[in-house]
């Protein structure tokens, strides 16, 4: 370049491992974009069940994605110091943890009802 003039070249993607187009709003890849993710609407239902004499706290119909349900279960199991499992959109925690679960769902801004 002569005389201090610089030529600007537009950046062009030559090859990408992403098969999908980036999001037009945030320009992130399809796997990273959160602006088009739809969160199912609904209200989680909390109840207590007895199984073979043992108490189980059941949180049903969680309005979350599958991966978020698993993260919520992991957090609840750690904080309640108990075992639990995930069956679809339903969480089961061993023991009576209704009060803590209600507080935790409030903290996470998840609507819930049941077991007043």
PDB file of N, CA and C in Angstrom:
ATOM      1  N   UNK A   1       0.840  -1.164   0.000  1.00  0.00           N
ATOM      2  CA  UNK A   1       0.000   0.000   0.000  1.00  0.00           C
ATOM      3  C   UNK A   1       0.892   1.237   0.000  1.00  0.00           C
ATOM      4  N   UNK A   2       0.568   2.156  -0.853  1.00  0.00           N
ATOM      5  CA  UNK A   2       1.366   3.361  -0.947  1.00  0.00           C
ATOM      6  C   UNK A   2       0.699   4.509  -0.236  1.00  0.00           C
ATOM      7  N   UNK A   3       1.499   5.399   0.266  1.00  0.00           N
ATOM      8  CA  UNK A   3       1.009   6.633   0.842  1.00  0.00           C
ATOM      9  C   UNK A   3       0.167   6.443   2.086  1.00  0.00           C
ATOM     10  N   UNK A   4       0.354   5.366   2.832  1.00  0.00           N
ATOM     11  CA  UNK A   4      -0.374   5.157   4.073  1.00  0.00           C
ATOM     12  C   UNK A   4      -1.820   4.725   3.879  1.00  0.00           C
ATOM     13  N   UNK A   5      -2.190   4.414   2.643  1.00  0.00           N
ATOM     14  CA  UNK A   5      -3.553   3.945   2.429  1.00  0.00           C
ATOM     15  C   UNK A   5      -3.621   2.454   2.726  1.00  0.00           C
ATOM     16  N   UNK A   6      -4.662   2.097   3.447  1.00  0.00           N
ATOM     17  CA  UNK A   6      -4.827   0.682   3.762  1.00  0.00           C
ATOM     18  C   UNK A   6      -6.057   0.158   3.052  1.00  0.00           C
ATOM     19  N   UNK A   7      -5.932  -1.000   2.547  1.00  0.00           N
ATOM     20  CA  UNK A   7      -7.051  -1.633   1.879  1.00  0.00           C
ATOM     21  C   UNK A   7      -7.782  -2.500   2.902  1.00  0.00           C
ATOM     22  N   UNK A   8      -9.074  -2.290   3.026  1.00  0.00           N
ATOM     23  CA  UNK A   8      -9.845  -3.088   3.975  1.00  0.00           C
ATOM     24  C   UNK A   8     -10.469  -4.263   3.238  1.00  0.00           C
ATOM     25  N   UNK A   9     -10.281  -5.423   3.819  1.00  0.00           N
ATOM     26  CA  UNK A   9     -10.820  -6.639   3.235  1.00  0.00           C
ATOM     27  C   UNK A   9     -11.935  -7.145   4.140  1.00  0.00           C
ATOM     28  N   UNK A  10     -13.074  -7.445   3.569  1.00  0.00           N
ATOM     29  CA  UNK A  10     -14.198  -7.969   4.352  1.00  0.00           C
ATOM     30  C   UNK A  10     -13.901  -9.413   4.745  1.00  0.00           C
ATOM     31  N   UNK A  11     -14.146  -9.722   6.016  1.00  0.00           N
ATOM     32  CA  UNK A  11     -13.923 -11.085   6.495  1.00  0.00           C
ATOM     33  C   UNK A  11     -15.024 -11.986   5.967  1.00  0.00           C
ATOM     34  N   UNK A  12     -14.628 -13.109   5.445  1.00  0.00           N
ATOM     35  CA  UNK A  12     -15.586 -14.040   4.878  1.00  0.00           C
ATOM     36  C   UNK A  12     -15.281 -15.431   5.416  1.00  0.00           C
ATOM     37  N   UNK A  13     -16.308 -16.108   5.900  1.00  0.00           N
ATOM     38  CA  UNK A  13     -16.118 -17.453   6.423  1.00  0.00           C
ATOM     39  C   UNK A  13     -15.935 -18.390   5.246  1.00  0.00           C
ATOM     40  N   UNK A  14     -14.815 -19.107   5.257  1.00  0.00           N
ATOM     41  CA  UNK A  14     -14.517 -20.017   4.169  1.00  0.00           C
ATOM     42  C   UNK A  14     -15.092 -21.392   4.467  1.00  0.00           C
ATOM     43  N   UNK A  15     -14.935 -21.843   5.697  1.00  0.00           N
ATOM     44  CA  UNK A  15     -15.447 -23.147   6.095  1.00  0.00           C
ATOM     45  C   UNK A  15     -15.822 -23.102   7.560  1.00  0.00           C
ATOM     46  N   UNK A  16     -16.901 -23.757   7.914  1.00  0.00           N
ATOM     47  CA  UNK A  16     -17.340 -23.800   9.301  1.00  0.00           C
ATOM     48  C   UNK A  16     -17.908 -25.173   9.599  1.00  0.00           C
ATOM     49  N   UNK A  17     -17.721 -25.628  10.831  1.00  0.00           N
ATOM     50  CA  UNK A  17     -18.279 -26.921  11.227  1.00  0.00           C
ATOM     51  C   UNK A  17     -19.757 -26.805  11.571  1.00  0.00           C
ATOM     52  N   UNK A  18     -20.254 -25.579  11.744  1.00  0.00           N
ATOM     53  CA  UNK A  18     -21.678 -25.361  12.009  1.00  0.00           C
ATOM     54  C   UNK A  18     -22.457 -25.573  10.724  1.00  0.00           C
ATOM     55  N   UNK A  19     -23.439 -26.468  10.779  1.00  0.00           N
ATOM     56  CA  UNK A  19     -24.255 -26.688   9.591  1.00  0.00           C
ATOM     57  C   UNK A  19     -25.409 -25.696   9.526  1.00  0.00           C
ATOM     58  N   UNK A  20     -25.786 -25.147  10.673  1.00  0.00           N
ATOM     59  CA  UNK A  20     -26.913 -24.215  10.722  1.00  0.00           C
ATOM     60  C   UNK A  20     -26.420 -22.777  10.596  1.00  0.00           C
ATOM     61  N   UNK A  21     -27.303 -21.938  10.124  1.00  0.00           N
ATOM     62  CA  UNK A  21     -27.008 -20.515  10.021  1.00  0.00           C
ATOM     63  C   UNK A  21     -26.991 -19.904  11.414  1.00  0.00           C
ATOM     64  N   UNK A  22     -26.190 -18.869  11.639  1.00  0.00           N
ATOM     65  CA  UNK A  22     -26.210 -18.208  12.949  1.00  0.00           C
ATOM     66  C   UNK A  22     -27.524 -17.458  13.152  1.00  0.00           C
ATOM     67  N   UNK A  23     -27.842 -17.229  14.411  1.00  0.00           N
ATOM     68  CA  UNK A  23     -29.064 -16.499  14.762  1.00  0.00           C
ATOM     69  C   UNK A  23     -28.959 -15.072  14.225  1.00  0.00           C
ATOM     70  N   UNK A  24     -30.003 -14.568  13.556  1.00  0.00           N
ATOM     71  CA  UNK A  24     -29.931 -13.208  13.023  1.00  0.00           C
ATOM     72  C   UNK A  24     -29.927 -12.132  14.104  1.00  0.00           C
ATOM     73  N   UNK A  25     -30.440 -12.446  15.297  1.00  0.00           N
ATOM     74  CA  UNK A  25     -30.491 -11.446  16.366  1.00  0.00           C
ATOM     75  C   UNK A  25     -29.161 -11.320  17.094  1.00  0.00           C
ATOM     76  N   UNK A  26     -28.622 -12.451  17.571  1.00  0.00           N
ATOM     77  CA  UNK A  26     -27.422 -12.385  18.409  1.00  0.00           C
ATOM     78  C   UNK A  26     -26.156 -12.829  17.682  1.00  0.00           C
ATOM     79  N   UNK A  27     -26.291 -13.357  16.468  1.00  0.00           N
ATOM     80  CA  UNK A  27     -25.162 -13.809  15.657  1.00  0.00           C
ATOM     81  C   UNK A  27     -24.383 -14.968  16.284  1.00  0.00           C
ATOM     82  N   UNK A  28     -25.019 -15.701  17.190  1.00  0.00           N
ATOM     83  CA  UNK A  28     -24.374 -16.874  17.778  1.00  0.00           C
ATOM     84  C   UNK A  28     -24.810 -18.104  17.004  1.00  0.00           C
ATOM     85  N   UNK A  29     -24.059 -19.177  17.171  1.00  0.00           N
ATOM     86  CA  UNK A  29     -24.403 -20.423  16.512  1.00  0.00           C
ATOM     87  C   UNK A  29     -25.707 -20.994  17.048  1.00  0.00           C
ATOM     88  N   UNK A  30     -26.253 -21.952  16.333  1.00  0.00           N
ATOM     89  CA  UNK A  30     -27.548 -22.516  16.713  1.00  0.00           C
ATOM     90  C   UNK A  30     -27.508 -23.147  18.105  1.00  0.00           C
ATOM     91  N   UNK A  31     -26.399 -23.743  18.493  1.00  0.00           N
ATOM     92  CA  UNK A  31     -26.295 -24.372  19.804  1.00  0.00           C
ATOM     93  C   UNK A  31     -26.116 -23.393  20.949  1.00  0.00           C
ATOM     94  N   UNK A  32     -25.634 -22.190  20.665  1.00  0.00           N
ATOM     95  CA  UNK A  32     -25.354 -21.205  21.712  1.00  0.00           C
ATOM     96  C   UNK A  32     -26.458 -20.162  21.864  1.00  0.00           C
ATOM     97  N   UNK A  33     -27.337 -20.050  20.888  1.00  0.00           N
ATOM     98  CA  UNK A  33     -28.371 -19.013  20.896  1.00  0.00           C
ATOM     99  C   UNK A  33     -29.441 -19.313  21.938  1.00  0.00           C
ATOM    100  N   UNK A  34     -29.738 -18.301  22.759  1.00  0.00           N
ATOM    101  CA  UNK A  34     -30.781 -18.448  23.769  1.00  0.00           C
ATOM    102  C   UNK A  34     -32.016 -17.624  23.441  1.00  0.00           C
ATOM    103  N   UNK A  35     -31.926 -16.736  22.476  1.00  0.00           N
ATOM    104  CA  UNK A  35     -33.047 -15.832  22.224  1.00  0.00           C
ATOM    105  C   UNK A  35     -34.219 -16.535  21.548  1.00  0.00           C
ATOM    106  N   UNK A  36     -33.999 -17.678  20.930  1.00  0.00           N
ATOM    107  CA  UNK A  36     -35.102 -18.368  20.278  1.00  0.00           C
ATOM    108  C   UNK A  36     -35.569 -19.598  21.046  1.00  0.00           C
ATOM    109  N   UNK A  37     -34.918 -19.895  22.174  1.00  0.00           N
ATOM    110  CA  UNK A  37     -35.361 -21.022  22.989  1.00  0.00           C
ATOM    111  C   UNK A  37     -36.678 -20.674  23.644  1.00  0.00           C
ATOM    112  N   UNK A  38     -37.609 -21.539  23.545  1.00  0.00           N
ATOM    113  CA  UNK A  38     -38.900 -21.306  24.180  1.00  0.00           C
ATOM    114  C   UNK A  38     -38.991 -22.152  25.435  1.00  0.00           C
ATOM    115  N   UNK A  39     -39.327 -21.497  26.513  1.00  0.00           N
ATOM    116  CA  UNK A  39     -39.514 -22.205  27.771  1.00  0.00           C
ATOM    117  C   UNK A  39     -40.983 -22.577  27.873  1.00  0.00           C
ATOM    118  N   UNK A  40     -41.276 -23.868  28.082  1.00  0.00           N
ATOM    119  CA  UNK A  40     -42.670 -24.247  28.207  1.00  0.00           C
ATOM    120  C   UNK A  40     -43.315 -23.558  29.403  1.00  0.00           C
ATOM    121  N   UNK A  41     -44.566 -23.164  29.222  1.00  0.00           N
ATOM    122  CA  UNK A  41     -45.270 -22.504  30.314  1.00  0.00           C
ATOM    123  C   UNK A  41     -46.017 -23.546  31.128  1.00  0.00           C
ATOM    124  N   UNK A  42     -46.185 -23.247  32.383  1.00  0.00           N
ATOM    125  CA  UNK A  42     -46.912 -24.158  33.246  1.00  0.00           C
ATOM    126  C   UNK A  42     -46.537 -23.925  34.689  1.00  0.00           C
ATOM    127  N   UNK A  43     -47.105 -24.743  35.536  1.00  0.00           N
ATOM    128  CA  UNK A  43     -46.893 -24.622  36.966  1.00  0.00           C
ATOM    129  C   UNK A  43     -46.418 -25.969  37.491  1.00  0.00           C
ATOM    130  N   UNK A  44     -45.320 -25.959  38.228  1.00  0.00           N
ATOM    131  CA  UNK A  44     -44.818 -27.188  38.834  1.00  0.00           C
ATOM    132  C   UNK A  44     -45.736 -27.583  39.985  1.00  0.00           C
ATOM    133  N   UNK A  45     -45.949 -28.872  40.135  1.00  0.00           N
ATOM    134  CA  UNK A  45     -46.815 -29.373  41.200  1.00  0.00           C
ATOM    135  C   UNK A  45     -45.972 -30.163  42.196  1.00  0.00           C
ATOM    136  N   UNK A  46     -46.090 -29.801  43.470  1.00  0.00           N
ATOM    137  CA  UNK A  46     -45.305 -30.442  44.525  1.00  0.00           C
ATOM    138  C   UNK A  46     -46.240 -31.309  45.360  1.00  0.00           C
ATOM    139  N   UNK A  47     -45.818 -32.533  45.633  1.00  0.00           N
ATOM    140  CA  UNK A  47     -46.613 -33.411  46.497  1.00  0.00           C
ATOM    141  C   UNK A  47     -45.698 -34.379  47.233  1.00  0.00           C
ATOM    142  N   UNK A  48     -46.257 -34.996  48.258  1.00  0.00           N
ATOM    143  CA  UNK A  48     -45.528 -36.003  49.031  1.00  0.00           C
ATOM    144  C   UNK A  48     -46.206 -37.344  48.807  1.00  0.00           C
ATOM    145  N   UNK A  49     -45.411 -38.374  48.590  1.00  0.00           N
ATOM    146  CA  UNK A  49     -45.936 -39.726  48.438  1.00  0.00           C
ATOM    147  C   UNK A  49     -45.241 -40.638  49.436  1.00  0.00           C
ATOM    148  N   UNK A  50     -45.919 -41.715  49.784  1.00  0.00           N
ATOM    149  CA  UNK A  50     -45.336 -42.747  50.648  1.00  0.00           C
ATOM    150  C   UNK A  50     -45.082 -43.974  49.789  1.00  0.00           C
ATOM    151  N   UNK A  51     -43.883 -44.495  49.880  1.00  0.00           N
ATOM    152  CA  UNK A  51     -43.519 -45.699  49.134  1.00  0.00           C
ATOM    153  C   UNK A  51     -42.809 -46.663  50.065  1.00  0.00           C
ATOM    154  N   UNK A  52     -43.443 -47.797  50.314  1.00  0.00           N
ATOM    155  CA  UNK A  52     -42.901 -48.808  51.236  1.00  0.00           C
ATOM    156  C   UNK A  52     -42.528 -48.200  52.575  1.00  0.00           C
ATOM    157  N   UNK A  53     -43.356 -47.283  53.059  1.00  0.00           N
ATOM    158  CA  UNK A  53     -43.117 -46.659  54.353  1.00  0.00           C
ATOM    159  C   UNK A  53     -42.153 -45.489  54.317  1.00  0.00           C
ATOM    160  N   UNK A  54     -41.611 -45.196  53.161  1.00  0.00           N
ATOM    161  CA  UNK A  54     -40.662 -44.078  53.018  1.00  0.00           C
ATOM    162  C   UNK A  54     -41.371 -42.882  52.396  1.00  0.00           C
ATOM    163  N   UNK A  55     -40.926 -41.688  52.756  1.00  0.00           N
ATOM    164  CA  UNK A  55     -41.505 -40.459  52.218  1.00  0.00           C
ATOM    165  C   UNK A  55     -40.705 -40.000  51.005  1.00  0.00           C
ATOM    166  N   UNK A  56     -41.420 -39.600  49.956  1.00  0.00           N
ATOM    167  CA  UNK A  56     -40.789 -39.110  48.731  1.00  0.00           C
ATOM    168  C   UNK A  56     -41.432 -37.777  48.360  1.00  0.00           C
ATOM    169  N   UNK A  57     -40.606 -36.758  48.096  1.00  0.00           N
ATOM    170  CA  UNK A  57     -41.097 -35.468  47.615  1.00  0.00           C
ATOM    171  C   UNK A  57     -41.079 -35.508  46.094  1.00  0.00           C
ATOM    172  N   UNK A  58     -42.235 -35.263  45.482  1.00  0.00           N
ATOM    173  CA  UNK A  58     -42.367 -35.328  44.029  1.00  0.00           C
ATOM    174  C   UNK A  58     -42.663 -33.927  43.492  1.00  0.00           C
ATOM    175  N   UNK A  59     -41.883 -33.505  42.499  1.00  0.00           N
ATOM    176  CA  UNK A  59     -42.092 -32.225  41.817  1.00  0.00           C
ATOM    177  C   UNK A  59     -42.426 -32.581  40.373  1.00  0.00           C
ATOM    178  N   UNK A  60     -43.691 -32.406  39.993  1.00  0.00           N
ATOM    179  CA  UNK A  60     -44.156 -32.840  38.676  1.00  0.00           C
ATOM    180  C   UNK A  60     -44.423 -31.650  37.761  1.00  0.00           C
ATOM    181  N   UNK A  61     -44.426 -31.941  36.463  1.00  0.00           N
ATOM    182  CA  UNK A  61     -44.766 -30.973  35.411  1.00  0.00           C
ATOM    183  C   UNK A  61     -43.925 -29.700  35.479  1.00  0.00           C
ATOM    184  N   UNK A  62     -42.625 -29.865  35.624  1.00  0.00           N
ATOM    185  CA  UNK A  62     -41.731 -28.706  35.662  1.00  0.00           C
ATOM    186  C   UNK A  62     -41.695 -28.011  34.302  1.00  0.00           C
ATOM    187  N   UNK A  63     -41.880 -26.703  34.273  1.00  0.00           N
ATOM    188  CA  UNK A  63     -41.870 -25.964  33.003  1.00  0.00           C
ATOM    189  C   UNK A  63     -40.448 -25.603  32.571  1.00  0.00           C
ATOM    190  N   UNK A  64     -39.597 -26.617  32.399  1.00  0.00           N
ATOM    191  CA  UNK A  64     -38.194 -26.395  32.047  1.00  0.00           C
ATOM    192  C   UNK A  64     -37.780 -27.343  30.931  1.00  0.00           C
ATOM    193  N   UNK A  65     -36.689 -27.007  30.272  1.00  0.00           N
ATOM    194  CA  UNK A  65     -36.079 -27.901  29.299  1.00  0.00           C
ATOM    195  C   UNK A  65     -35.483 -29.097  30.037  1.00  0.00           C
ATOM    196  N   UNK A  66     -35.277 -30.196  29.326  1.00  0.00           N
ATOM    197  CA  UNK A  66     -34.764 -31.428  29.939  1.00  0.00           C
ATOM    198  C   UNK A  66     -33.414 -31.196  30.629  1.00  0.00           C
ATOM    199  N   UNK A  67     -32.516 -30.468  29.993  1.00  0.00           N
ATOM    200  CA  UNK A  67     -31.196 -30.232  30.585  1.00  0.00           C
ATOM    201  C   UNK A  67     -31.305 -29.384  31.853  1.00  0.00           C
ATOM    202  N   UNK A  68     -32.243 -28.428  31.864  1.00  0.00           N
ATOM    203  CA  UNK A  68     -32.438 -27.592  33.048  1.00  0.00           C
ATOM    204  C   UNK A  68     -33.053 -28.379  34.199  1.00  0.00           C
ATOM    205  N   UNK A  69     -33.898 -29.357  33.866  1.00  0.00           N
ATOM    206  CA  UNK A  69     -34.494 -30.216  34.902  1.00  0.00           C
ATOM    207  C   UNK A  69     -33.392 -31.006  35.601  1.00  0.00           C
ATOM    208  N   UNK A  70     -32.449 -31.510  34.823  1.00  0.00           N
ATOM    209  CA  UNK A  70     -31.340 -32.272  35.416  1.00  0.00           C
ATOM    210  C   UNK A  70     -30.463 -31.386  36.299  1.00  0.00           C
ATOM    211  N   UNK A  71     -30.224 -30.146  35.875  1.00  0.00           N
ATOM    212  CA  UNK A  71     -29.437 -29.222  36.697  1.00  0.00           C
ATOM    213  C   UNK A  71     -30.157 -28.893  37.998  1.00  0.00           C
ATOM    214  N   UNK A  72     -31.473 -28.692  37.925  1.00  0.00           N
ATOM    215  CA  UNK A  72     -32.265 -28.414  39.121  1.00  0.00           C
ATOM    216  C   UNK A  72     -32.207 -29.599  40.076  1.00  0.00           C
ATOM    217  N   UNK A  73     -32.323 -30.811  39.547  1.00  0.00           N
ATOM    218  CA  UNK A  73     -32.239 -32.007  40.391  1.00  0.00           C
ATOM    219  C   UNK A  73     -30.883 -32.084  41.081  1.00  0.00           C
ATOM    220  N   UNK A  74     -29.831 -31.817  40.347  1.00  0.00           N
ATOM    221  CA  UNK A  74     -28.490 -31.868  40.930  1.00  0.00           C
ATOM    222  C   UNK A  74     -28.359 -30.873  42.082  1.00  0.00           C
ATOM    223  N   UNK A  75     -28.851 -29.646  41.870  1.00  0.00           N
ATOM    224  CA  UNK A  75     -28.789 -28.631  42.927  1.00  0.00           C
ATOM    225  C   UNK A  75     -29.611 -29.037  44.143  1.00  0.00           C
ATOM    226  N   UNK A  76     -30.824 -29.522  43.915  1.00  0.00           N
ATOM    227  CA  UNK A  76     -31.689 -29.911  45.033  1.00  0.00           C
ATOM    228  C   UNK A  76     -31.095 -31.080  45.814  1.00  0.00           C
ATOM    229  N   UNK A  77     -30.530 -32.053  45.115  1.00  0.00           N
ATOM    230  CA  UNK A  77     -29.928 -33.198  45.806  1.00  0.00           C
ATOM    231  C   UNK A  77     -28.758 -32.761  46.680  1.00  0.00           C
ATOM    232  N   UNK A  78     -27.958 -31.832  46.183  1.00  0.00           N
ATOM    233  CA  UNK A  78     -26.828 -31.335  46.976  1.00  0.00           C
ATOM    234  C   UNK A  78     -27.308 -30.567  48.194  1.00  0.00           C
ATOM    235  N   UNK A  79     -28.263 -29.682  47.988  1.00  0.00           N
ATOM    236  CA  UNK A  79     -28.709 -28.814  49.078  1.00  0.00           C
ATOM    237  C   UNK A  79     -29.540 -29.549  50.118  1.00  0.00           C
ATOM    238  N   UNK A  80     -30.273 -30.577  49.697  1.00  0.00           N
ATOM    239  CA  UNK A  80     -31.072 -31.359  50.650  1.00  0.00           C
ATOM    240  C   UNK A  80     -30.278 -32.537  51.216  1.00  0.00           C
ATOM    241  N   UNK A  81     -29.104 -32.790  50.683  1.00  0.00           N
ATOM    242  CA  UNK A  81     -28.262 -33.911  51.113  1.00  0.00           C
ATOM    243  C   UNK A  81     -29.045 -35.214  51.073  1.00  0.00           C
ATOM    244  N   UNK A  82     -29.621 -35.486  49.910  1.00  0.00           N
ATOM    245  CA  UNK A  82     -30.439 -36.680  49.755  1.00  0.00           C
ATOM    246  C   UNK A  82     -30.301 -37.224  48.345  1.00  0.00           C
ATOM    247  N   UNK A  83     -30.875 -38.375  48.117  1.00  0.00           N
ATOM    248  CA  UNK A  83     -30.886 -38.970  46.794  1.00  0.00           C
ATOM    249  C   UNK A  83     -32.119 -38.532  46.033  1.00  0.00           C
ATOM    250  N   UNK A  84     -32.106 -38.777  44.752  1.00  0.00           N
ATOM    251  CA  UNK A  84     -33.258 -38.422  43.947  1.00  0.00           C
ATOM    252  C   UNK A  84     -33.080 -38.895  42.524  1.00  0.00           C
ATOM    253  N   UNK A  85     -34.151 -38.768  41.749  1.00  0.00           N
ATOM    254  CA  UNK A  85     -34.109 -39.186  40.357  1.00  0.00           C
ATOM    255  C   UNK A  85     -34.969 -38.262  39.507  1.00  0.00           C
ATOM    256  N   UNK A  86     -34.731 -38.348  38.209  1.00  0.00           N
ATOM    257  CA  UNK A  86     -35.470 -37.537  37.243  1.00  0.00           C
ATOM    258  C   UNK A  86     -36.171 -38.490  36.282  1.00  0.00           C
ATOM    259  N   UNK A  87     -37.487 -38.361  36.173  1.00  0.00           N
ATOM    260  CA  UNK A  87     -38.266 -39.175  35.241  1.00  0.00           C
ATOM    261  C   UNK A  87     -39.063 -38.227  34.356  1.00  0.00           C
ATOM    262  N   UNK A  88     -38.535 -37.920  33.182  1.00  0.00           N
ATOM    263  CA  UNK A  88     -39.194 -36.961  32.290  1.00  0.00           C
ATOM    264  C   UNK A  88     -39.134 -35.564  32.873  1.00  0.00           C
ATOM    265  N   UNK A  89     -40.286 -34.948  33.065  1.00  0.00           N
ATOM    266  CA  UNK A  89     -40.370 -33.611  33.655  1.00  0.00           C
ATOM    267  C   UNK A  89     -40.698 -33.694  35.143  1.00  0.00           C
ATOM    268  N   UNK A  90     -40.458 -34.849  35.758  1.00  0.00           N
ATOM    269  CA  UNK A  90     -40.769 -35.066  37.169  1.00  0.00           C
ATOM    270  C   UNK A  90     -39.497 -35.371  37.945  1.00  0.00           C
ATOM    271  N   UNK A  91     -39.350 -34.704  39.095  1.00  0.00           N
ATOM    272  CA  UNK A  91     -38.233 -34.967  39.998  1.00  0.00           C
ATOM    273  C   UNK A  91     -38.755 -35.689  41.224  1.00  0.00           C
ATOM    274  N   UNK A  92     -37.976 -36.622  41.739  1.00  0.00           N
ATOM    275  CA  UNK A  92     -38.317 -37.317  42.971  1.00  0.00           C
ATOM    276  C   UNK A  92     -37.136 -37.209  43.917  1.00  0.00           C
ATOM    277  N   UNK A  93     -37.387 -36.697  45.122  1.00  0.00           N
ATOM    278  CA  UNK A  93     -36.358 -36.577  46.153  1.00  0.00           C
ATOM    279  C   UNK A  93     -36.734 -37.477  47.316  1.00  0.00           C
ATOM    280  N   UNK A  94     -35.766 -38.188  47.853  1.00  0.00           N
ATOM    281  CA  UNK A  94     -36.025 -39.055  48.996  1.00  0.00           C
ATOM    282  C   UNK A  94     -36.190 -38.203  50.244  1.00  0.00           C
ATOM    283  N   UNK A  95     -37.304 -38.396  50.953  1.00  0.00           N
ATOM    284  CA  UNK A  95     -37.548 -37.659  52.183  1.00  0.00           C
ATOM    285  C   UNK A  95     -38.540 -36.527  51.989  1.00  0.00           C
ATOM    286  N   UNK A  96     -38.899 -35.893  53.106  1.00  0.00           N
ATOM    287  CA  UNK A  96     -39.853 -34.784  53.103  1.00  0.00           C
ATOM    288  C   UNK A  96     -39.074 -33.471  53.022  1.00  0.00           C
ATOM    289  N   UNK A  97     -38.997 -32.904  51.820  1.00  0.00           N
ATOM    290  CA  UNK A  97     -38.246 -31.670  51.591  1.00  0.00           C
ATOM    291  C   UNK A  97     -39.127 -30.598  50.955  1.00  0.00           C
ATOM    292  N   UNK A  98     -40.434 -30.652  51.221  1.00  0.00           N
ATOM    293  CA  UNK A  98     -41.381 -29.745  50.573  1.00  0.00           C
ATOM    294  C   UNK A  98     -41.058 -28.288  50.865  1.00  0.00           C
ATOM    295  N   UNK A  99     -40.795 -27.951  52.123  1.00  0.00           N
ATOM    296  CA  UNK A  99     -40.531 -26.551  52.478  1.00  0.00           C
ATOM    297  C   UNK A  99     -39.318 -26.005  51.739  1.00  0.00           C
ATOM    298  N   UNK A 100     -38.247 -26.788  51.716  1.00  0.00           N
ATOM    299  CA  UNK A 100     -37.042 -26.325  51.034  1.00  0.00           C
ATOM    300  C   UNK A 100     -37.275 -26.221  49.524  1.00  0.00           C
ATOM    301  N   UNK A 101     -37.973 -27.202  48.951  1.00  0.00           N
ATOM    302  CA  UNK A 101     -38.236 -27.191  47.510  1.00  0.00           C
ATOM    303  C   UNK A 101     -39.065 -25.969  47.132  1.00  0.00           C
ATOM    304  N   UNK A 102     -40.073 -25.629  47.938  1.00  0.00           N
ATOM    305  CA  UNK A 102     -40.891 -24.447  47.656  1.00  0.00           C
ATOM    306  C   UNK A 102     -40.024 -23.186  47.674  1.00  0.00           C
ATOM    307  N   UNK A 103     -39.153 -23.058  48.670  1.00  0.00           N
ATOM    308  CA  UNK A 103     -38.268 -21.889  48.744  1.00  0.00           C
ATOM    309  C   UNK A 103     -37.323 -21.843  47.545  1.00  0.00           C
ATOM    310  N   UNK A 104     -36.794 -23.000  47.168  1.00  0.00           N
ATOM    311  CA  UNK A 104     -35.837 -23.056  46.069  1.00  0.00           C
ATOM    312  C   UNK A 104     -36.512 -22.704  44.743  1.00  0.00           C
ATOM    313  N   UNK A 105     -37.735 -23.196  44.509  1.00  0.00           N
ATOM    314  CA  UNK A 105     -38.452 -22.867  43.281  1.00  0.00           C
ATOM    315  C   UNK A 105     -38.800 -21.383  43.235  1.00  0.00           C
ATOM    316  N   UNK A 106     -39.133 -20.800  44.398  1.00  0.00           N
ATOM    317  CA  UNK A 106     -39.369 -19.353  44.454  1.00  0.00           C
ATOM    318  C   UNK A 106     -38.106 -18.593  44.069  1.00  0.00           C
ATOM    319  N   UNK A 107     -36.975 -19.046  44.594  1.00  0.00           N
ATOM    320  CA  UNK A 107     -35.698 -18.390  44.311  1.00  0.00           C
ATOM    321  C   UNK A 107     -35.352 -18.480  42.820  1.00  0.00           C
ATOM    322  N   UNK A 108     -35.719 -19.597  42.192  1.00  0.00           N
ATOM    323  CA  UNK A 108     -35.445 -19.802  40.769  1.00  0.00           C
ATOM    324  C   UNK A 108     -36.540 -19.228  39.873  1.00  0.00           C
ATOM    325  N   UNK A 109     -37.539 -18.574  40.462  1.00  0.00           N
ATOM    326  CA  UNK A 109     -38.660 -17.968  39.728  1.00  0.00           C
ATOM    327  C   UNK A 109     -39.448 -18.990  38.915  1.00  0.00           C
ATOM    328  N   UNK A 110     -39.686 -20.145  39.508  1.00  0.00           N
ATOM    329  CA  UNK A 110     -40.489 -21.184  38.876  1.00  0.00           C
ATOM    330  C   UNK A 110     -41.827 -21.240  39.606  1.00  0.00           C
ATOM    331  N   UNK A 111     -42.902 -21.044  38.864  1.00  0.00           N
ATOM    332  CA  UNK A 111     -44.238 -21.068  39.467  1.00  0.00           C
ATOM    333  C   UNK A 111     -44.541 -22.480  39.959  1.00  0.00           C
ATOM    334  N   UNK A 112     -45.158 -22.571  41.135  1.00  0.00           N
ATOM    335  CA  UNK A 112     -45.478 -23.885  41.692  1.00  0.00           C
ATOM    336  C   UNK A 112     -46.742 -23.796  42.514  1.00  0.00           C
ATOM    337  N   UNK A 113     -47.322 -24.952  42.774  1.00  0.00           N
ATOM    338  CA  UNK A 113     -48.477 -25.018  43.653  1.00  0.00           C
ATOM    339  C   UNK A 113     -48.518 -26.403  44.280  1.00  0.00           C
ATOM    340  N   UNK A 114     -49.329 -26.501  45.294  1.00  0.00           N
ATOM    341  CA  UNK A 114     -49.477 -27.777  45.972  1.00  0.00           C
ATOM    342  C   UNK A 114     -48.790 -27.766  47.315  1.00  0.00           C
ATOM    343  N   UNK A 115     -49.286 -28.579  48.173  1.00  0.00           N
ATOM    344  CA  UNK A 115     -48.770 -28.799  49.523  1.00  0.00           C
ATOM    345  C   UNK A 115     -48.582 -27.505  50.286  1.00  0.00           C
ATOM    346  N   UNK A 116     -49.706 -26.848  50.572  1.00  0.00           N
ATOM    347  CA  UNK A 116     -49.674 -25.562  51.287  1.00  0.00           C
ATOM    348  C   UNK A 116     -49.347 -25.740  52.723  1.00  0.00           C
TER     349      UNK A 116
END
